[in-house]
Protein backbone atom coordinates (compact mmCIF):
# COMPACT_ATOMS: atom_id res chain seq x y z
CA MET A 1 0.03 0.01 0.03
CA PRO A 2 1.49 3.40 -0.96
CA PRO A 3 1.96 6.13 1.64
CA GLU A 4 -0.78 8.75 1.91
CA PRO A 5 -0.33 11.92 -0.12
CA THR A 6 -0.04 14.72 2.48
CA LEU A 7 0.05 18.63 2.34
CA PRO A 8 2.30 20.79 4.30
CA PHE A 9 0.11 22.49 7.06
CA ALA A 10 1.35 24.72 9.77
CA ASP A 11 0.34 22.16 12.50
CA GLY A 12 1.98 19.18 10.64
CA ARG A 13 1.36 17.37 7.38
CA GLY A 14 -2.13 16.41 6.69
CA ALA A 15 -3.36 13.50 4.64
CA ILE A 16 -5.63 14.35 1.72
CA GLY A 17 -7.34 10.96 2.26
CA ASP A 18 -8.45 12.01 5.78
CA LEU A 19 -11.34 13.85 4.08
CA ALA A 20 -14.20 11.97 2.40
CA ASP A 21 -14.62 12.86 -1.31
CA PRO A 22 -12.29 15.92 -0.99
CA VAL A 23 -12.45 19.11 -3.03
CA LEU A 24 -9.67 21.68 -3.32
CA ALA A 25 -11.12 25.01 -4.30
CA ASP A 26 -9.25 27.98 -5.81
CA PRO A 27 -5.68 26.82 -5.03
CA SER A 28 -2.87 29.28 -5.77
CA PRO A 29 -0.09 27.97 -8.07
CA PRO A 30 2.08 27.02 -5.06
CA LEU A 31 -0.72 25.14 -3.41
CA LEU A 32 -1.63 23.33 -6.65
CA THR A 33 2.08 22.50 -7.10
CA ALA A 34 2.14 21.10 -3.51
CA VAL A 35 -0.78 18.82 -4.31
CA ILE A 36 1.01 17.42 -7.32
CA GLU A 37 4.18 16.86 -5.36
CA ALA A 38 2.23 15.18 -2.56
CA TYR A 39 0.94 12.56 -4.90
CA ARG A 40 4.34 12.24 -6.52
CA GLU A 41 6.03 11.50 -3.22
CA ALA A 42 3.35 8.99 -2.33
CA ALA A 43 3.21 7.24 -5.71
CA PRO A 44 6.15 8.06 -7.94
CA ALA A 45 5.38 5.07 -10.18
CA VAL A 46 2.10 6.57 -11.05
CA VAL A 47 2.97 10.26 -11.21
CA GLU A 48 6.63 10.26 -12.64
CA PRO A 49 7.79 6.61 -13.25
CA ASP A 50 11.46 6.12 -13.90
CA LEU A 51 12.72 3.99 -16.78
CA SER A 52 12.82 0.74 -14.99
CA THR A 53 9.24 1.18 -13.98
CA LEU A 54 8.16 2.21 -17.53
CA ARG A 55 9.84 -0.79 -19.05
CA GLY A 56 7.93 -3.11 -16.67
CA LEU A 57 4.57 -1.55 -17.23
CA THR A 58 1.94 -3.11 -19.47
CA SER A 59 -1.48 -1.67 -20.48
CA THR A 60 -4.46 -2.80 -22.51
CA GLU A 61 -5.33 -0.88 -25.70
CA GLY A 62 -2.66 1.65 -24.89
CA ALA A 63 -4.56 3.02 -21.97
CA PRO A 64 -2.56 4.00 -18.84
CA GLY A 65 -3.24 1.71 -15.96
CA PRO A 66 -2.12 1.31 -12.36
CA SER A 67 1.45 0.37 -11.56
CA PRO A 68 2.13 -2.87 -9.68
CA ASP A 69 3.88 -1.26 -6.69
CA SER A 70 1.62 1.72 -6.22
CA PRO A 71 -2.02 0.90 -7.07
CA VAL A 72 -4.13 3.69 -8.24
CA SER A 73 -7.11 2.33 -6.37
CA GLU A 74 -5.41 2.92 -3.13
CA LEU A 75 -4.80 6.71 -3.69
CA PRO A 76 -7.37 9.19 -2.65
CA THR A 77 -9.20 10.87 -5.39
CA LEU A 78 -9.25 14.68 -5.39
CA THR A 79 -11.46 17.17 -7.27
CA VAL A 80 -9.56 20.39 -7.98
CA LEU A 81 -11.46 23.54 -8.86
CA ALA A 82 -8.87 26.14 -10.03
CA THR A 83 -8.77 29.20 -12.10
CA ASP A 84 -7.07 29.24 -15.42
CA ARG A 85 -4.47 31.60 -14.15
CA ALA A 86 -3.47 29.08 -11.45
CA ILE A 87 -3.46 26.10 -13.87
CA ASP A 88 -1.50 27.87 -16.52
CA ALA A 89 1.15 29.00 -14.05
CA VAL A 90 1.72 25.41 -13.03
CA VAL A 91 1.56 23.72 -16.45
CA ASP A 92 3.81 26.20 -18.18
CA GLU A 93 6.68 23.90 -16.83
CA PHE A 94 6.63 20.60 -18.72
CA ARG A 95 7.50 18.22 -15.86
CA ARG A 96 4.85 19.73 -13.59
CA ALA A 97 2.31 19.46 -16.43
CA SER A 98 3.34 15.91 -17.14
CA ARG A 99 2.79 14.93 -13.50
CA LEU A 100 -0.65 16.62 -13.42
CA ALA A 101 -1.49 14.70 -16.64
CA ALA A 102 -0.52 11.45 -15.08
CA LEU A 103 -2.86 12.10 -12.12
CA ALA A 104 -5.66 13.06 -14.51
CA GLU A 105 -5.06 10.01 -16.83
CA ALA A 106 -5.19 7.68 -13.83
CA GLY A 107 -8.39 9.01 -12.53
CA VAL A 108 -6.91 10.25 -9.27
CA LEU A 109 -7.38 14.00 -9.93
CA ASP A 110 -10.45 15.67 -11.48
CA LEU A 111 -9.28 19.08 -12.70
CA ARG A 112 -12.00 21.61 -13.34
CA THR A 113 -11.95 25.34 -14.25
CA LEU A 114 -13.10 27.86 -11.66
CA SER A 115 -14.74 30.82 -13.44
CA GLU A 116 -14.54 33.26 -10.53
CA PRO A 117 -11.80 33.44 -7.80
CA GLN A 118 -13.01 32.77 -4.30
CA PRO A 119 -12.15 34.66 -1.09
CA ASN A 120 -9.70 32.02 0.02
CA PRO A 121 -8.54 28.53 -0.96
CA ALA A 122 -10.50 25.81 0.77
CA LEU A 123 -10.15 22.07 1.26
CA VAL A 124 -13.47 20.39 1.95
CA GLY A 125 -14.84 16.92 2.51
CA ARG A 126 -18.38 15.51 3.11
CA GLU A 127 -18.05 15.86 6.92
CA THR A 128 -15.89 19.00 7.33
CA GLY A 129 -13.86 21.67 5.55
CA HIS A 130 -11.16 24.19 6.09
CA VAL A 131 -10.13 27.55 4.66
CA LEU A 132 -6.47 27.56 3.81
CA VAL A 133 -4.31 30.56 4.55
CA ALA A 134 -0.67 30.66 3.52
CA VAL A 135 1.69 31.17 6.39
CA GLY A 136 3.12 34.72 6.14
CA GLY A 137 1.43 35.25 2.89
CA ARG A 138 4.10 33.20 1.07
CA GLU A 139 2.19 32.46 -2.12
CA ASP A 140 4.59 34.00 -4.54
CA GLY A 141 5.99 30.70 -5.91
CA ASP A 142 7.70 29.51 -2.82
CA ALA A 143 7.77 25.80 -3.15
CA THR A 144 8.29 25.35 0.59
CA ALA A 145 5.22 27.29 1.59
CA THR A 146 2.87 25.92 4.29
CA TRP A 147 -0.83 26.62 4.96
CA CYS A 148 -2.90 27.11 8.08
CA ARG A 149 -6.20 25.18 8.28
CA VAL A 150 -8.74 27.66 9.51
CA GLY A 151 -12.11 26.59 10.82
CA ASP A 152 -13.80 23.11 10.91
CA ASP A 153 -17.08 23.82 9.07
CA PRO A 154 -19.30 20.87 7.96
CA ALA A 155 -21.36 23.24 5.89
CA LEU A 156 -18.49 24.67 3.86
CA ARG A 157 -18.82 22.07 1.18
CA GLU A 158 -22.29 23.25 0.32
CA ARG A 159 -20.74 26.51 -1.04
CA TYR A 160 -18.66 24.69 -3.55
CA VAL A 161 -20.81 21.78 -4.80
CA PRO A 162 -22.73 24.07 -7.26
CA LEU A 163 -19.45 25.40 -8.51
CA VAL A 164 -17.98 21.93 -9.07
CA GLU A 165 -21.12 20.76 -10.92
CA ALA A 166 -21.15 23.82 -13.16
CA ALA A 167 -17.32 23.80 -13.85
CA GLU A 168 -15.96 22.36 -17.12
CA GLY A 169 -13.11 19.86 -17.06
CA ARG A 170 -9.68 20.99 -17.92
CA ARG A 171 -7.18 18.78 -19.68
CA PRO A 172 -3.41 19.35 -19.03
CA ARG A 173 -1.52 20.61 -22.18
CA ALA A 174 1.21 17.88 -21.78
CA PRO A 175 0.98 14.14 -21.71
CA SER A 176 2.25 11.95 -18.94
CA ARG A 177 5.63 10.27 -19.20
CA ARG A 178 3.93 6.92 -19.30
CA ARG A 179 1.73 7.89 -22.31
CA VAL A 180 4.72 9.23 -24.24
CA TYR A 181 6.77 6.17 -23.48
CA GLU A 182 4.11 3.68 -24.48
CA SER A 183 3.27 5.57 -27.75
CA VAL A 184 6.94 5.80 -28.77
CA ARG A 185 7.59 2.26 -27.81
CA GLU A 186 4.73 0.99 -29.81
CA ARG A 187 5.71 2.77 -33.04
CA CYS A 188 9.55 3.22 -32.79
CA GLY A 189 10.77 0.53 -30.27
CA VAL A 190 12.11 0.43 -26.79
CA ALA A 191 15.52 2.12 -27.47
CA VAL A 192 13.89 5.30 -28.92
CA ALA A 193 11.26 5.32 -26.03
CA ASP A 194 14.08 5.07 -23.44
CA ASP A 195 16.09 7.86 -24.94
CA VAL A 196 12.99 10.16 -25.16
CA VAL A 197 12.54 9.77 -21.47
CA ARG A 198 16.29 10.30 -20.82
CA ALA A 199 16.10 13.36 -22.92
CA PHE A 200 13.29 14.78 -20.85
CA ASP A 201 15.42 14.32 -17.73
CA ALA A 202 18.82 15.52 -19.13
CA GLY A 203 20.47 18.11 -16.95
CA VAL A 204 17.68 18.08 -14.39
CA VAL A 205 18.60 18.85 -10.70
CA GLU A 206 15.59 18.83 -8.48
CA GLY A 207 15.05 21.46 -5.81
CA PRO A 208 12.23 21.80 -3.25
CA GLY A 209 8.77 20.82 -4.49
CA GLY A 210 10.33 18.54 -7.21
CA ASP A 211 11.03 21.59 -9.54
CA ALA A 212 14.24 21.69 -11.57
CA VAL A 213 16.87 24.11 -10.41
CA GLY A 214 19.54 25.69 -12.51
CA GLY A 215 19.01 26.49 -16.11
CA ASP A 216 15.84 27.46 -17.90
CA PRO A 217 12.63 25.59 -16.96
CA LEU A 218 11.60 23.00 -19.60
CA ASP A 219 8.51 24.20 -21.43
CA LEU A 220 6.35 22.22 -23.80
CA ALA A 221 8.25 23.51 -26.94
CA GLY A 222 11.49 22.43 -25.33
CA ALA A 223 10.14 19.09 -24.43
CA ARG A 224 8.95 18.55 -28.02
CA ARG A 225 12.42 19.44 -29.37
CA ARG A 226 14.16 17.07 -26.86
CA ALA A 227 11.83 14.20 -27.84
CA TYR A 228 12.34 14.70 -31.54
CA VAL A 229 16.23 14.98 -31.11
CA ALA A 230 16.25 11.69 -29.15
CA GLY A 231 14.36 9.95 -31.96
CA ALA A 232 16.62 11.45 -34.62
CA ARG A 233 19.73 10.38 -32.85
CA ARG A 234 18.31 6.80 -32.91
CA GLY A 235 17.67 7.00 -36.60
CA ALA A 236 13.84 6.61 -36.20
CA LEU A 237 11.48 6.82 -39.22
CA ASP A 238 10.28 10.31 -39.37
CA ARG A 239 6.59 9.50 -39.96
CA ASP A 240 6.50 6.83 -37.22
CA LEU A 241 8.07 9.25 -34.75
CA ARG A 242 5.75 12.12 -35.50
CA ARG A 243 2.77 9.76 -35.22
CA ALA A 244 3.95 8.48 -31.90
CA PHE A 245 4.14 12.01 -30.49
CA GLU A 246 0.83 12.84 -31.98
CA ASP A 247 -0.77 9.64 -30.41
CA ALA A 248 0.66 10.66 -27.00
CA GLY A 249 -0.63 14.10 -27.11
CA LEU A 250 2.79 15.77 -27.18
CA GLY A 251 2.02 17.74 -30.38
CA SER A 252 0.60 17.52 -33.89
CA SER A 253 2.44 16.11 -36.83
CA ALA A 254 2.72 19.65 -38.32
CA THR A 255 4.27 20.80 -35.01
CA PHE A 256 7.08 18.22 -35.29
CA THR A 257 7.59 19.04 -38.94
CA ARG A 258 8.50 22.52 -37.83
CA VAL A 259 10.87 21.06 -35.20
CA LYS A 260 12.47 18.96 -37.99
CA ARG A 261 12.87 21.93 -40.31
CA LYS A 262 14.64 24.01 -37.56
CA LEU A 263 17.08 21.14 -36.84
CA ARG A 264 17.81 20.75 -40.54
CA GLU A 265 18.43 24.55 -40.81
CA SER A 266 20.76 24.24 -37.92
CA GLY A 267 22.85 21.50 -39.61
CA LEU A 268 21.93 18.83 -37.06
CA LEU A 269 19.66 16.63 -39.18
CA GLY A 270 19.33 15.00 -42.48
CA THR A 271 17.25 12.13 -43.89
CA GLU A 272 17.71 9.08 -46.00
CA SER A 273 15.19 7.23 -48.15
CA VAL A 274 14.05 3.76 -46.93
CA PRO A 275 12.28 1.56 -49.49
CA GLN A 276 9.08 -0.11 -48.35
CA PRO A 277 7.56 -3.43 -49.50
CA VAL A 278 4.40 -1.53 -50.38
CA GLY A 279 3.90 2.16 -51.07
CA ARG A 280 6.27 5.08 -51.10
CA PRO A 281 9.67 5.13 -49.36
CA ARG A 282 9.89 6.43 -45.88
CA GLU A 283 12.30 9.00 -44.57
CA ARG A 284 14.70 7.83 -41.87
CA LEU A 285 16.20 10.59 -39.64
CA VAL A 286 20.03 10.99 -39.70
CA ALA A 287 21.86 12.88 -37.04
CA ARG A 288 24.45 15.35 -38.48
CA GLY A 289 27.17 17.53 -37.02
CA ALA A 290 27.19 17.93 -33.20
CA LEU A 291 24.06 15.75 -32.89
CA ALA A 292 25.85 12.82 -34.58
CA GLU A 293 28.80 13.34 -32.26
CA ALA A 294 26.72 13.43 -29.17
CA ASP A 295 27.48 10.74 -26.57
CA GLY A 296 24.01 10.00 -25.14
CA PRO A 297 20.71 11.91 -24.88
CA GLY A 298 22.13 14.56 -22.59
CA GLU A 299 24.77 15.66 -25.01
CA ALA A 300 22.23 15.57 -27.89
CA VAL A 301 19.81 17.76 -25.92
CA ALA A 302 22.71 20.33 -25.28
CA ALA A 303 23.80 20.23 -28.90
CA ALA A 304 20.27 20.87 -30.16
CA ALA A 305 19.77 23.72 -27.67
CA THR A 306 23.09 25.37 -28.56
CA ALA A 307 22.36 25.19 -32.27
CA VAL A 308 18.75 26.49 -32.18
CA GLU A 309 19.69 29.41 -29.96
CA ARG A 310 22.20 30.72 -32.55
């Protein structure tokens, strides 16, 4: 049984699962980030699986499912009612967005859009609820912030039920690691899928709250470039690679055509024709220049970043 996801309250960490059918209303970006990190710490194999976990996972019909060592069924579900501003501030960073997507794909977190900000964030269950106030007002992106639980109001939930029922669902803009890995493995093979995940993680040093420290945050555009570079370095077929990323929800085929064009213009990429038993020849990606000389996904990512920024 996985440990309980807990939030950092001023009077000690509190388990999300202590509340029945919990709803988190109007979280700030740091509070929403703290929720994602709480689930990641409790169930890393669900939220951010490493390569060994990804290799061992199987699913039916390509759908994400529970991991063997951290069953989704044992994690508390949470409805999050958040403003677009708060959600966008969190998902602008690819790794956080990917973790949020993993929770949504697993059915653990139901993310909905709050149309109007509330007086304060609140965490409510069926029997009780609390207003949440940041300690010292530290809600400016501090990943180590804590919150005070104010009040113990059984009626607080009644205020938010109509808002939850009226709210529209919000899909994260990035896919989970598992979804990307499975899509690439299916179309391009294990070696390419492994390197795509390694490319996502290249140069990452984690700080408080699971965020990367040092260097620029990895946004969705950067993640797309890293993924395509990893496939190119492995000599993947261009059409298969683009379709894998499209299947995963990482970006459209046209989006990766633009990535390909930029890498070609930078002298890092070429193609070769591969005859097919039936139909037109396919294009195989061929690494050139610094990308061909790169020793591993980390160096490949660095070479691509340097070339594109020129």
